Amino acid sequence: MRHSIELLKKLHERYPDKSERALCEALGYTGTALQGVQRLGKMSPEMAALVASEVGEDPQHWALIAAAEGAKNPSVKRRLTALLTDVKKERFRALYKTLRRASVISGLSRQPIAPHRLHAH
């Protein structure tokens, strides 16, 4: 599992000329909210979703990661982590089905993939 604090680094990489205060205000938080994130080493699920959408990541995925990080009850944390694993598996299955339909993956064929098949529309 990745950590929500990684989003902060991505935010700074995406907007290198903006101060933390400007980034906080753009997200709708007070000017010191990101300092609190750095101090704690994690984000709230709401902030993780906002920052994720700002840097082009999946907000639901990152909100779930942040919720698991913040869970105080170990059984809740385990359930959230399992849910995150299930989401990853489901995304992989959907991608696999798409590629299979496009004949990019074939367990029966060992022939090279024709270049025109790699650029499915």
PDB file of N, CA and C in Angstrom:
ATOM      1  N   MET A   1       0.840  -1.173   0.000  1.00  0.00           N
ATOM      2  CA  MET A   1       0.000   0.000   0.000  1.00  0.00           C
ATOM      3  C   MET A   1       0.886   1.238   0.000  1.00  0.00           C
ATOM      4  N   ARG A   2       0.541   2.186  -0.830  1.00  0.00           N
ATOM      5  CA  ARG A   2       1.264   3.453  -0.827  1.00  0.00           C
ATOM      6  C   ARG A   2       0.708   4.333   0.287  1.00  0.00           C
ATOM      7  N   HIS A   3       1.355   5.467   0.528  1.00  0.00           N
ATOM      8  CA  HIS A   3       0.959   6.341   1.623  1.00  0.00           C
ATOM      9  C   HIS A   3       0.448   7.674   1.087  1.00  0.00           C
ATOM     10  N   SER A   4      -0.554   8.228   1.759  1.00  0.00           N
ATOM     11  CA  SER A   4      -1.177   9.466   1.288  1.00  0.00           C
ATOM     12  C   SER A   4      -0.194  10.633   1.255  1.00  0.00           C
ATOM     13  N   ILE A   5       0.824  10.596   2.074  1.00  0.00           N
ATOM     14  CA  ILE A   5       1.801  11.684   2.101  1.00  0.00           C
ATOM     15  C   ILE A   5       2.518  11.819   0.751  1.00  0.00           C
ATOM     16  N   GLU A   6       2.552  10.736  -0.031  1.00  0.00           N
ATOM     17  CA  GLU A   6       3.173  10.777  -1.362  1.00  0.00           C
ATOM     18  C   GLU A   6       2.472  11.786  -2.270  1.00  0.00           C
ATOM     19  N   LEU A   7       1.196  12.017  -2.022  1.00  0.00           N
ATOM     20  CA  LEU A   7       0.458  12.983  -2.835  1.00  0.00           C
ATOM     21  C   LEU A   7       1.004  14.396  -2.657  1.00  0.00           C
ATOM     22  N   LEU A   8       1.493  14.699  -1.470  1.00  0.00           N
ATOM     23  CA  LEU A   8       2.045  16.020  -1.205  1.00  0.00           C
ATOM     24  C   LEU A   8       3.251  16.284  -2.094  1.00  0.00           C
ATOM     25  N   LYS A   9       4.094  15.274  -2.245  1.00  0.00           N
ATOM     26  CA  LYS A   9       5.267  15.401  -3.118  1.00  0.00           C
ATOM     27  C   LYS A   9       4.823  15.633  -4.567  1.00  0.00           C
ATOM     28  N   LYS A  10       3.804  14.875  -4.999  1.00  0.00           N
ATOM     29  CA  LYS A  10       3.302  15.049  -6.368  1.00  0.00           C
ATOM     30  C   LYS A  10       2.715  16.441  -6.577  1.00  0.00           C
ATOM     31  N   LEU A  11       2.042  16.954  -5.549  1.00  0.00           N
ATOM     32  CA  LEU A  11       1.461  18.294  -5.643  1.00  0.00           C
ATOM     33  C   LEU A  11       2.556  19.333  -5.810  1.00  0.00           C
ATOM     34  N   HIS A  12       3.643  19.202  -5.040  1.00  0.00           N
ATOM     35  CA  HIS A  12       4.752  20.145  -5.156  1.00  0.00           C
ATOM     36  C   HIS A  12       5.475  20.002  -6.494  1.00  0.00           C
ATOM     37  N   GLU A  13       5.546  18.786  -7.017  1.00  0.00           N
ATOM     38  CA  GLU A  13       6.171  18.582  -8.331  1.00  0.00           C
ATOM     39  C   GLU A  13       5.323  19.203  -9.432  1.00  0.00           C
ATOM     40  N   ARG A  14       4.017  19.123  -9.285  1.00  0.00           N
ATOM     41  CA  ARG A  14       3.116  19.661 -10.311  1.00  0.00           C
ATOM     42  C   ARG A  14       3.096  21.183 -10.292  1.00  0.00           C
ATOM     43  N   TYR A  15       3.199  21.762  -9.098  1.00  0.00           N
ATOM     44  CA  TYR A  15       3.160  23.221  -8.952  1.00  0.00           C
ATOM     45  C   TYR A  15       4.404  23.701  -8.197  1.00  0.00           C
ATOM     46  N   PRO A  16       5.577  23.633  -8.823  1.00  0.00           N
ATOM     47  CA  PRO A  16       6.814  23.974  -8.105  1.00  0.00           C
ATOM     48  C   PRO A  16       6.918  25.449  -7.716  1.00  0.00           C
ATOM     49  N   ASP A  17       6.238  26.353  -8.448  1.00  0.00           N
ATOM     50  CA  ASP A  17       6.382  27.779  -8.129  1.00  0.00           C
ATOM     51  C   ASP A  17       5.373  28.267  -7.101  1.00  0.00           C
ATOM     52  N   LYS A  18       4.431  27.433  -6.686  1.00  0.00           N
ATOM     53  CA  LYS A  18       3.418  27.869  -5.723  1.00  0.00           C
ATOM     54  C   LYS A  18       3.880  27.573  -4.295  1.00  0.00           C
ATOM     55  N   SER A  19       3.601  28.523  -3.424  1.00  0.00           N
ATOM     56  CA  SER A  19       3.927  28.317  -2.009  1.00  0.00           C
ATOM     57  C   SER A  19       2.914  27.359  -1.389  1.00  0.00           C
ATOM     58  N   GLU A  20       3.246  26.843  -0.223  1.00  0.00           N
ATOM     59  CA  GLU A  20       2.313  25.947   0.465  1.00  0.00           C
ATOM     60  C   GLU A  20       1.028  26.675   0.803  1.00  0.00           C
ATOM     61  N   ARG A  21       1.142  27.933   1.182  1.00  0.00           N
ATOM     62  CA  ARG A  21      -0.045  28.723   1.496  1.00  0.00           C
ATOM     63  C   ARG A  21      -0.959  28.839   0.274  1.00  0.00           C
ATOM     64  N   ALA A  22      -0.375  29.102  -0.883  1.00  0.00           N
ATOM     65  CA  ALA A  22      -1.170  29.226  -2.113  1.00  0.00           C
ATOM     66  C   ALA A  22      -1.812  27.896  -2.486  1.00  0.00           C
ATOM     67  N   LEU A  23      -1.077  26.803  -2.302  1.00  0.00           N
ATOM     68  CA  LEU A  23      -1.633  25.480  -2.592  1.00  0.00           C
ATOM     69  C   LEU A  23      -2.796  25.164  -1.660  1.00  0.00           C
ATOM     70  N   CYS A  24      -2.631  25.489  -0.376  1.00  0.00           N
ATOM     71  CA  CYS A  24      -3.709  25.248   0.596  1.00  0.00           C
ATOM     72  C   CYS A  24      -4.959  26.033   0.219  1.00  0.00           C
ATOM     73  N   GLU A  25      -4.774  27.289  -0.093  1.00  0.00           N
ATOM     74  CA  GLU A  25      -5.915  28.137  -0.432  1.00  0.00           C
ATOM     75  C   GLU A  25      -6.597  27.653  -1.708  1.00  0.00           C
ATOM     76  N   ALA A  26      -5.815  27.201  -2.683  1.00  0.00           N
ATOM     77  CA  ALA A  26      -6.391  26.676  -3.923  1.00  0.00           C
ATOM     78  C   ALA A  26      -7.233  25.432  -3.664  1.00  0.00           C
ATOM     79  N   LEU A  27      -6.848  24.643  -2.649  1.00  0.00           N
ATOM     80  CA  LEU A  27      -7.589  23.431  -2.292  1.00  0.00           C
ATOM     81  C   LEU A  27      -8.762  23.724  -1.360  1.00  0.00           C
ATOM     82  N   GLY A  28      -8.821  24.954  -0.827  1.00  0.00           N
ATOM     83  CA  GLY A  28      -9.910  25.322   0.072  1.00  0.00           C
ATOM     84  C   GLY A  28      -9.593  25.120   1.540  1.00  0.00           C
ATOM     85  N   TYR A  29      -8.311  25.041   1.887  1.00  0.00           N
ATOM     86  CA  TYR A  29      -7.881  24.847   3.275  1.00  0.00           C
ATOM     87  C   TYR A  29      -7.167  26.093   3.777  1.00  0.00           C
ATOM     88  N   THR A  30      -6.949  26.153   5.083  1.00  0.00           N
ATOM     89  CA  THR A  30      -6.181  27.256   5.648  1.00  0.00           C
ATOM     90  C   THR A  30      -4.729  27.140   5.201  1.00  0.00           C
ATOM     91  N   GLY A  31      -4.008  28.224   5.316  1.00  0.00           N
ATOM     92  CA  GLY A  31      -2.643  28.289   4.808  1.00  0.00           C
ATOM     93  C   GLY A  31      -1.647  27.346   5.445  1.00  0.00           C
ATOM     94  N   THR A  32      -1.991  26.747   6.591  1.00  0.00           N
ATOM     95  CA  THR A  32      -1.034  25.869   7.273  1.00  0.00           C
ATOM     96  C   THR A  32      -1.448  24.397   7.230  1.00  0.00           C
ATOM     97  N   ALA A  33      -2.469  24.065   6.495  1.00  0.00           N
ATOM     98  CA  ALA A  33      -2.969  22.683   6.469  1.00  0.00           C
ATOM     99  C   ALA A  33      -1.924  21.691   5.976  1.00  0.00           C
ATOM    100  N   LEU A  34      -1.155  22.054   4.975  1.00  0.00           N
ATOM    101  CA  LEU A  34      -0.157  21.129   4.446  1.00  0.00           C
ATOM    102  C   LEU A  34       1.007  20.921   5.416  1.00  0.00           C
ATOM    103  N   GLN A  35       1.271  21.918   6.254  1.00  0.00           N
ATOM    104  CA  GLN A  35       2.297  21.734   7.290  1.00  0.00           C
ATOM    105  C   GLN A  35       1.844  20.672   8.290  1.00  0.00           C
ATOM    106  N   GLY A  36       0.559  20.672   8.605  1.00  0.00           N
ATOM    107  CA  GLY A  36       0.008  19.651   9.490  1.00  0.00           C
ATOM    108  C   GLY A  36       0.118  18.261   8.881  1.00  0.00           C
ATOM    109  N   VAL A  37      -0.105  18.185   7.583  1.00  0.00           N
ATOM    110  CA  VAL A  37       0.022  16.903   6.875  1.00  0.00           C
ATOM    111  C   VAL A  37       1.457  16.402   6.967  1.00  0.00           C
ATOM    112  N   GLN A  38       2.408  17.290   6.750  1.00  0.00           N
ATOM    113  CA  GLN A  38       3.815  16.897   6.833  1.00  0.00           C
ATOM    114  C   GLN A  38       4.176  16.440   8.242  1.00  0.00           C
ATOM    115  N   ARG A  39       3.665  17.150   9.239  1.00  0.00           N
ATOM    116  CA  ARG A  39       3.970  16.806  10.631  1.00  0.00           C
ATOM    117  C   ARG A  39       3.387  15.445  11.007  1.00  0.00           C
ATOM    118  N   LEU A  40       2.136  15.191  10.590  1.00  0.00           N
ATOM    119  CA  LEU A  40       1.474  13.931  10.922  1.00  0.00           C
ATOM    120  C   LEU A  40       1.919  12.763  10.037  1.00  0.00           C
ATOM    121  N   GLY A  41       2.327  13.089   8.813  1.00  0.00           N
ATOM    122  CA  GLY A  41       2.741  12.041   7.882  1.00  0.00           C
ATOM    123  C   GLY A  41       1.581  11.358   7.183  1.00  0.00           C
ATOM    124  N   LYS A  42       0.392  11.958   7.237  1.00  0.00           N
ATOM    125  CA  LYS A  42      -0.780  11.397   6.555  1.00  0.00           C
ATOM    126  C   LYS A  42      -1.806  12.495   6.328  1.00  0.00           C
ATOM    127  N   MET A  43      -2.754  12.216   5.428  1.00  0.00           N
ATOM    128  CA  MET A  43      -3.819  13.160   5.083  1.00  0.00           C
ATOM    129  C   MET A  43      -5.162  12.612   5.497  1.00  0.00           C
ATOM    130  N   SER A  44      -6.114  13.515   5.593  1.00  0.00           N
ATOM    131  CA  SER A  44      -7.496  13.071   5.785  1.00  0.00           C
ATOM    132  C   SER A  44      -7.970  12.505   4.450  1.00  0.00           C
ATOM    133  N   PRO A  45      -8.972  11.645   4.462  1.00  0.00           N
ATOM    134  CA  PRO A  45      -9.501  11.121   3.194  1.00  0.00           C
ATOM    135  C   PRO A  45      -9.999  12.225   2.264  1.00  0.00           C
ATOM    136  N   GLU A  46     -10.613  13.263   2.843  1.00  0.00           N
ATOM    137  CA  GLU A  46     -11.128  14.366   2.022  1.00  0.00           C
ATOM    138  C   GLU A  46      -9.995  15.104   1.317  1.00  0.00           C
ATOM    139  N   MET A  47      -8.941  15.413   2.079  1.00  0.00           N
ATOM    140  CA  MET A  47      -7.812  16.123   1.481  1.00  0.00           C
ATOM    141  C   MET A  47      -7.109  15.238   0.454  1.00  0.00           C
ATOM    142  N   ALA A  48      -6.957  13.955   0.757  1.00  0.00           N
ATOM    143  CA  ALA A  48      -6.307  13.036  -0.180  1.00  0.00           C
ATOM    144  C   ALA A  48      -7.068  12.995  -1.505  1.00  0.00           C
ATOM    145  N   ALA A  49      -8.401  12.977  -1.436  1.00  0.00           N
ATOM    146  CA  ALA A  49      -9.207  12.959  -2.661  1.00  0.00           C
ATOM    147  C   ALA A  49      -9.025  14.245  -3.456  1.00  0.00           C
ATOM    148  N   LEU A  50      -9.026  15.395  -2.769  1.00  0.00           N
ATOM    149  CA  LEU A  50      -8.848  16.673  -3.463  1.00  0.00           C
ATOM    150  C   LEU A  50      -7.467  16.778  -4.113  1.00  0.00           C
ATOM    151  N   VAL A  51      -6.441  16.426  -3.372  1.00  0.00           N
ATOM    152  CA  VAL A  51      -5.074  16.517  -3.899  1.00  0.00           C
ATOM    153  C   VAL A  51      -4.886  15.516  -5.042  1.00  0.00           C
ATOM    154  N   ALA A  52      -5.430  14.314  -4.881  1.00  0.00           N
ATOM    155  CA  ALA A  52      -5.325  13.306  -5.936  1.00  0.00           C
ATOM    156  C   ALA A  52      -5.942  13.797  -7.233  1.00  0.00           C
ATOM    157  N   SER A  53      -7.116  14.388  -7.153  1.00  0.00           N
ATOM    158  CA  SER A  53      -7.754  14.875  -8.382  1.00  0.00           C
ATOM    159  C   SER A  53      -6.957  16.020  -8.985  1.00  0.00           C
ATOM    160  N   GLU A  54      -6.301  16.807  -8.141  1.00  0.00           N
ATOM    161  CA  GLU A  54      -5.494  17.932  -8.614  1.00  0.00           C
ATOM    162  C   GLU A  54      -4.242  17.464  -9.353  1.00  0.00           C
ATOM    163  N   VAL A  55      -3.690  16.320  -8.947  1.00  0.00           N
ATOM    164  CA  VAL A  55      -2.453  15.823  -9.588  1.00  0.00           C
ATOM    165  C   VAL A  55      -2.725  14.711 -10.602  1.00  0.00           C
ATOM    166  N   GLY A  56      -3.997  14.457 -10.897  1.00  0.00           N
ATOM    167  CA  GLY A  56      -4.329  13.481 -11.936  1.00  0.00           C
ATOM    168  C   GLY A  56      -4.373  12.043 -11.467  1.00  0.00           C
ATOM    169  N   GLU A  57      -4.547  11.818 -10.181  1.00  0.00           N
ATOM    170  CA  GLU A  57      -4.661  10.466  -9.637  1.00  0.00           C
ATOM    171  C   GLU A  57      -6.133  10.174  -9.345  1.00  0.00           C
ATOM    172  N   ASP A  58      -6.422   8.923  -9.023  1.00  0.00           N
ATOM    173  CA  ASP A  58      -7.783   8.499  -8.716  1.00  0.00           C
ATOM    174  C   ASP A  58      -8.160   8.936  -7.296  1.00  0.00           C
ATOM    175  N   PRO A  59      -9.119   9.870  -7.152  1.00  0.00           N
ATOM    176  CA  PRO A  59      -9.488  10.365  -5.820  1.00  0.00           C
ATOM    177  C   PRO A  59     -10.041   9.277  -4.893  1.00  0.00           C
ATOM    178  N   GLN A  60     -10.844   8.362  -5.420  1.00  0.00           N
ATOM    179  CA  GLN A  60     -11.424   7.310  -4.574  1.00  0.00           C
ATOM    180  C   GLN A  60     -10.335   6.394  -4.014  1.00  0.00           C
ATOM    181  N   HIS A  61      -9.401   6.037  -4.855  1.00  0.00           N
ATOM    182  CA  HIS A  61      -8.294   5.175  -4.440  1.00  0.00           C
ATOM    183  C   HIS A  61      -7.518   5.827  -3.287  1.00  0.00           C
ATOM    184  N   TRP A  62      -7.162   7.101  -3.457  1.00  0.00           N
ATOM    185  CA  TRP A  62      -6.356   7.779  -2.455  1.00  0.00           C
ATOM    186  C   TRP A  62      -7.153   8.088  -1.197  1.00  0.00           C
ATOM    187  N   ALA A  63      -8.446   8.344  -1.311  1.00  0.00           N
ATOM    188  CA  ALA A  63      -9.282   8.550  -0.120  1.00  0.00           C
ATOM    189  C   ALA A  63      -9.333   7.266   0.699  1.00  0.00           C
ATOM    190  N   LEU A  64      -9.405   6.147   0.026  1.00  0.00           N
ATOM    191  CA  LEU A  64      -9.428   4.857   0.714  1.00  0.00           C
ATOM    192  C   LEU A  64      -8.094   4.587   1.414  1.00  0.00           C
ATOM    193  N   ILE A  65      -7.002   4.915   0.773  1.00  0.00           N
ATOM    194  CA  ILE A  65      -5.679   4.765   1.395  1.00  0.00           C
ATOM    195  C   ILE A  65      -5.594   5.637   2.651  1.00  0.00           C
ATOM    196  N   ALA A  66      -6.026   6.895   2.529  1.00  0.00           N
ATOM    197  CA  ALA A  66      -5.970   7.807   3.678  1.00  0.00           C
ATOM    198  C   ALA A  66      -6.882   7.328   4.806  1.00  0.00           C
ATOM    199  N   ALA A  67      -8.046   6.795   4.465  1.00  0.00           N
ATOM    200  CA  ALA A  67      -8.958   6.277   5.492  1.00  0.00           C
ATOM    201  C   ALA A  67      -8.323   5.102   6.224  1.00  0.00           C
ATOM    202  N   ALA A  68      -7.651   4.220   5.485  1.00  0.00           N
ATOM    203  CA  ALA A  68      -6.984   3.070   6.112  1.00  0.00           C
ATOM    204  C   ALA A  68      -5.840   3.539   7.016  1.00  0.00           C
ATOM    205  N   GLU A  69      -5.112   4.562   6.574  1.00  0.00           N
ATOM    206  CA  GLU A  69      -4.019   5.088   7.400  1.00  0.00           C
ATOM    207  C   GLU A  69      -4.534   5.695   8.704  1.00  0.00           C
ATOM    208  N   GLY A  70      -5.693   6.335   8.633  1.00  0.00           N
ATOM    209  CA  GLY A  70      -6.229   7.024   9.798  1.00  0.00           C
ATOM    210  C   GLY A  70      -7.076   6.165  10.711  1.00  0.00           C
ATOM    211  N   ALA A  71      -7.368   4.944  10.305  1.00  0.00           N
ATOM    212  CA  ALA A  71      -8.223   4.073  11.116  1.00  0.00           C
ATOM    213  C   ALA A  71      -7.505   3.686  12.405  1.00  0.00           C
ATOM    214  N   LYS A  72      -8.160   3.936  13.515  1.00  0.00           N
ATOM    215  CA  LYS A  72      -7.569   3.602  14.814  1.00  0.00           C
ATOM    216  C   LYS A  72      -7.866   2.161  15.208  1.00  0.00           C
ATOM    217  N   ASN A  73      -9.002   1.665  14.793  1.00  0.00           N
ATOM    218  CA  ASN A  73      -9.411   0.300  15.103  1.00  0.00           C
ATOM    219  C   ASN A  73      -8.716  -0.654  14.122  1.00  0.00           C
ATOM    220  N   PRO A  74      -7.924  -1.605  14.623  1.00  0.00           N
ATOM    221  CA  PRO A  74      -7.189  -2.515  13.736  1.00  0.00           C
ATOM    222  C   PRO A  74      -8.091  -3.326  12.800  1.00  0.00           C
ATOM    223  N   SER A  75      -9.270  -3.725  13.252  1.00  0.00           N
ATOM    224  CA  SER A  75     -10.139  -4.512  12.377  1.00  0.00           C
ATOM    225  C   SER A  75     -10.688  -3.649  11.239  1.00  0.00           C
ATOM    226  N   VAL A  76     -10.969  -2.378  11.533  1.00  0.00           N
ATOM    227  CA  VAL A  76     -11.422  -1.459  10.477  1.00  0.00           C
ATOM    228  C   VAL A  76     -10.296  -1.237   9.476  1.00  0.00           C
ATOM    229  N   LYS A  77      -9.098  -1.056   9.985  1.00  0.00           N
ATOM    230  CA  LYS A  77      -7.934  -0.861   9.103  1.00  0.00           C
ATOM    231  C   LYS A  77      -7.742  -2.071   8.186  1.00  0.00           C
ATOM    232  N   ARG A  78      -7.853  -3.284   8.755  1.00  0.00           N
ATOM    233  CA  ARG A  78      -7.722  -4.508   7.944  1.00  0.00           C
ATOM    234  C   ARG A  78      -8.801  -4.561   6.865  1.00  0.00           C
ATOM    235  N   ARG A  79     -10.027  -4.210   7.233  1.00  0.00           N
ATOM    236  CA  ARG A  79     -11.126  -4.264   6.258  1.00  0.00           C
ATOM    237  C   ARG A  79     -10.930  -3.243   5.145  1.00  0.00           C
ATOM    238  N   LEU A  80     -10.472  -2.037   5.491  1.00  0.00           N
ATOM    239  CA  LEU A  80     -10.214  -1.014   4.472  1.00  0.00           C
ATOM    240  C   LEU A  80      -9.070  -1.438   3.557  1.00  0.00           C
ATOM    241  N   THR A  81      -8.025  -2.022   4.121  1.00  0.00           N
ATOM    242  CA  THR A  81      -6.897  -2.505   3.317  1.00  0.00           C
ATOM    243  C   THR A  81      -7.345  -3.633   2.396  1.00  0.00           C
ATOM    244  N   ALA A  82      -8.196  -4.524   2.901  1.00  0.00           N
ATOM    245  CA  ALA A  82      -8.722  -5.609   2.063  1.00  0.00           C
ATOM    246  C   ALA A  82      -9.580  -5.040   0.938  1.00  0.00           C
ATOM    247  N   LEU A  83     -10.361  -4.024   1.254  1.00  0.00           N
ATOM    248  CA  LEU A  83     -11.186  -3.385   0.228  1.00  0.00           C
ATOM    249  C   LEU A  83     -10.311  -2.768  -0.852  1.00  0.00           C
ATOM    250  N   LEU A  84      -9.228  -2.137  -0.437  1.00  0.00           N
ATOM    251  CA  LEU A  84      -8.294  -1.552  -1.391  1.00  0.00           C
ATOM    252  C   LEU A  84      -7.694  -2.628  -2.291  1.00  0.00           C
ATOM    253  N   THR A  85      -7.357  -3.768  -1.720  1.00  0.00           N
ATOM    254  CA  THR A  85      -6.832  -4.897  -2.496  1.00  0.00           C
ATOM    255  C   THR A  85      -7.884  -5.402  -3.477  1.00  0.00           C
ATOM    256  N   ASP A  86      -9.139  -5.492  -3.039  1.00  0.00           N
ATOM    257  CA  ASP A  86     -10.221  -5.929  -3.923  1.00  0.00           C
ATOM    258  C   ASP A  86     -10.414  -4.961  -5.079  1.00  0.00           C
ATOM    259  N   VAL A  87     -10.317  -3.661  -4.807  1.00  0.00           N
ATOM    260  CA  VAL A  87     -10.456  -2.656  -5.859  1.00  0.00           C
ATOM    261  C   VAL A  87      -9.342  -2.824  -6.883  1.00  0.00           C
ATOM    262  N   LYS A  88      -8.117  -3.044  -6.410  1.00  0.00           N
ATOM    263  CA  LYS A  88      -6.989  -3.240  -7.329  1.00  0.00           C
ATOM    264  C   LYS A  88      -7.199  -4.483  -8.191  1.00  0.00           C
ATOM    265  N   LYS A  89      -7.673  -5.566  -7.565  1.00  0.00           N
ATOM    266  CA  LYS A  89      -7.919  -6.796  -8.319  1.00  0.00           C
ATOM    267  C   LYS A  89      -8.994  -6.580  -9.375  1.00  0.00           C
ATOM    268  N   GLU A  90     -10.043  -5.873  -9.020  1.00  0.00           N
ATOM    269  CA  GLU A  90     -11.134  -5.628  -9.969  1.00  0.00           C
ATOM    270  C   GLU A  90     -10.656  -4.778 -11.143  1.00  0.00           C
ATOM    271  N   ARG A  91      -9.815  -3.773 -10.863  1.00  0.00           N
ATOM    272  CA  ARG A  91      -9.260  -2.950 -11.956  1.00  0.00           C
ATOM    273  C   ARG A  91      -8.388  -3.796 -12.867  1.00  0.00           C
ATOM    274  N   PHE A  92      -7.594  -4.694 -12.292  1.00  0.00           N
ATOM    275  CA  PHE A  92      -6.753  -5.573 -13.094  1.00  0.00           C
ATOM    276  C   PHE A  92      -7.620  -6.473 -13.967  1.00  0.00           C
ATOM    277  N   ARG A  93      -8.685  -7.039 -13.380  1.00  0.00           N
ATOM    278  CA  ARG A  93      -9.573  -7.910 -14.163  1.00  0.00           C
ATOM    279  C   ARG A  93     -10.202  -7.149 -15.329  1.00  0.00           C
ATOM    280  N   ALA A  94     -10.642  -5.922 -15.082  1.00  0.00           N
ATOM    281  CA  ALA A  94     -11.255  -5.124 -16.148  1.00  0.00           C
ATOM    282  C   ALA A  94     -10.237  -4.828 -17.254  1.00  0.00           C
ATOM    283  N   LEU A  95      -9.013  -4.486 -16.864  1.00  0.00           N
ATOM    284  CA  LEU A  95      -7.971  -4.228 -17.860  1.00  0.00           C
ATOM    285  C   LEU A  95      -7.652  -5.494 -18.642  1.00  0.00           C
ATOM    286  N   TYR A  96      -7.549  -6.610 -17.951  1.00  0.00           N
ATOM    287  CA  TYR A  96      -7.258  -7.880 -18.604  1.00  0.00           C
ATOM    288  C   TYR A  96      -8.345  -8.223 -19.614  1.00  0.00           C
ATOM    289  N   LYS A  97      -9.622  -8.049 -19.228  1.00  0.00           N
ATOM    290  CA  LYS A  97     -10.722  -8.340 -20.158  1.00  0.00           C
ATOM    291  C   LYS A  97     -10.661  -7.445 -21.382  1.00  0.00           C
ATOM    292  N   THR A  98     -10.350  -6.181 -21.172  1.00  0.00           N
ATOM    293  CA  THR A  98     -10.254  -5.244 -22.294  1.00  0.00           C
ATOM    294  C   THR A  98      -9.144  -5.661 -23.246  1.00  0.00           C
ATOM    295  N   LEU A  99      -7.986  -5.987 -22.683  1.00  0.00           N
ATOM    296  CA  LEU A  99      -6.864  -6.406 -23.524  1.00  0.00           C
ATOM    297  C   LEU A  99      -7.160  -7.733 -24.215  1.00  0.00           C
ATOM    298  N   ARG A 100      -7.815  -8.610 -23.511  1.00  0.00           N
ATOM    299  CA  ARG A 100      -8.169  -9.918 -24.092  1.00  0.00           C
ATOM    300  C   ARG A 100      -9.107  -9.729 -25.276  1.00  0.00           C
ATOM    301  N   ARG A 101     -10.105  -8.846 -25.091  1.00  0.00           N
ATOM    302  CA  ARG A 101     -11.036  -8.561 -26.191  1.00  0.00           C
ATOM    303  C   ARG A 101     -10.317  -7.959 -27.386  1.00  0.00           C
ATOM    304  N   ALA A 102      -9.297  -7.179 -27.119  1.00  0.00           N
ATOM    305  CA  ALA A 102      -8.535  -6.554 -28.203  1.00  0.00           C
ATOM    306  C   ALA A 102      -7.503  -7.517 -28.787  1.00  0.00           C
ATOM    307  N   SER A 103      -7.507  -8.754 -28.308  1.00  0.00           N
ATOM    308  CA  SER A 103      -6.595  -9.799 -28.779  1.00  0.00           C
ATOM    309  C   SER A 103      -5.127  -9.461 -28.554  1.00  0.00           C
ATOM    310  N   VAL A 104      -4.856  -8.636 -27.573  1.00  0.00           N
ATOM    311  CA  VAL A 104      -3.474  -8.321 -27.254  1.00  0.00           C
ATOM    312  C   VAL A 104      -2.893  -9.435 -26.400  1.00  0.00           C
ATOM    313  N   ILE A 105      -3.728 -10.005 -25.519  1.00  0.00           N
ATOM    314  CA  ILE A 105      -3.290 -11.115 -24.688  1.00  0.00           C
ATOM    315  C   ILE A 105      -3.971 -12.374 -25.205  1.00  0.00           C
ATOM    316  N   SER A 106      -3.194 -13.387 -25.492  1.00  0.00           N
ATOM    317  CA  SER A 106      -3.780 -14.644 -25.922  1.00  0.00           C
ATOM    318  C   SER A 106      -2.933 -15.779 -25.375  1.00  0.00           C
ATOM    319  N   GLY A 107      -3.532 -16.607 -24.563  1.00  0.00           N
ATOM    320  CA  GLY A 107      -2.806 -17.732 -23.989  1.00  0.00           C
ATOM    321  C   GLY A 107      -2.529 -18.818 -25.012  1.00  0.00           C
ATOM    322  N   LEU A 108      -3.237 -18.806 -26.136  1.00  0.00           N
ATOM    323  CA  LEU A 108      -3.084 -19.865 -27.126  1.00  0.00           C
ATOM    324  C   LEU A 108      -2.114 -19.489 -28.237  1.00  0.00           C
ATOM    325  N   SER A 109      -1.974 -18.211 -28.487  1.00  0.00           N
ATOM    326  CA  SER A 109      -1.160 -17.782 -29.618  1.00  0.00           C
ATOM    327  C   SER A 109       0.211 -17.314 -29.154  1.00  0.00           C
ATOM    328  N   ARG A 110       1.244 -17.738 -29.868  1.00  0.00           N
ATOM    329  CA  ARG A 110       2.596 -17.272 -29.565  1.00  0.00           C
ATOM    330  C   ARG A 110       3.136 -16.439 -30.719  1.00  0.00           C
ATOM    331  N   GLN A 111       2.261 -16.047 -31.624  1.00  0.00           N
ATOM    332  CA  GLN A 111       2.688 -15.229 -32.747  1.00  0.00           C
ATOM    333  C   GLN A 111       2.878 -13.788 -32.282  1.00  0.00           C
ATOM    334  N   PRO A 112       3.788 -13.050 -32.940  1.00  0.00           N
ATOM    335  CA  PRO A 112       3.977 -11.645 -32.568  1.00  0.00           C
ATOM    336  C   PRO A 112       2.692 -10.859 -32.818  1.00  0.00           C
ATOM    337  N   ILE A 113       2.507  -9.830 -32.043  1.00  0.00           N
ATOM    338  CA  ILE A 113       1.324  -8.980 -32.192  1.00  0.00           C
ATOM    339  C   ILE A 113       1.543  -8.051 -33.373  1.00  0.00           C
ATOM    340  N   ALA A 114       0.575  -8.002 -34.274  1.00  0.00           N
ATOM    341  CA  ALA A 114       0.661  -7.105 -35.416  1.00  0.00           C
ATOM    342  C   ALA A 114       0.602  -5.662 -34.916  1.00  0.00           C
ATOM    343  N   PRO A 115       1.435  -4.769 -35.467  1.00  0.00           N
ATOM    344  CA  PRO A 115       1.479  -3.380 -34.983  1.00  0.00           C
ATOM    345  C   PRO A 115       0.118  -2.684 -35.008  1.00  0.00           C
ATOM    346  N   HIS A 116      -0.710  -2.981 -36.018  1.00  0.00           N
ATOM    347  CA  HIS A 116      -2.011  -2.294 -36.085  1.00  0.00           C
ATOM    348  C   HIS A 116      -2.934  -2.705 -34.928  1.00  0.00           C
ATOM    349  N   ARG A 117      -2.675  -3.848 -34.290  1.00  0.00           N
ATOM    350  CA  ARG A 117      -3.514  -4.295 -33.159  1.00  0.00           C
ATOM    351  C   ARG A 117      -3.131  -3.612 -31.845  1.00  0.00           C
ATOM    352  N   LEU A 118      -1.939  -3.061 -31.793  1.00  0.00           N
ATOM    353  CA  LEU A 118      -1.504  -2.391 -30.567  1.00  0.00           C
ATOM    354  C   LEU A 118      -2.187  -1.045 -30.379  1.00  0.00           C
ATOM    355  N   HIS A 119      -2.659  -0.476 -31.443  1.00  0.00           N
ATOM    356  CA  HIS A 119      -3.277   0.852 -31.380  1.00  0.00           C
ATOM    357  C   HIS A 119      -4.790   0.719 -31.532  1.00  0.00           C
ATOM    358  N   ALA A 120      -5.415  -0.061 -30.650  1.00  0.00           N
ATOM    359  CA  ALA A 120      -6.868  -0.249 -30.699  1.00  0.00           C
ATOM    360  C   ALA A 120      -7.564   1.054 -30.355  1.00  0.00           C
ATOM    361  N   HIS A 121      -8.623   1.324 -31.050  1.00  0.00           N
ATOM    362  CA  HIS A 121      -9.353   2.580 -30.811  1.00  0.00           C
ATOM    363  C   HIS A 121     -10.578   2.342 -29.999  1.00  0.00           C
TER     364      HIS A 121
END
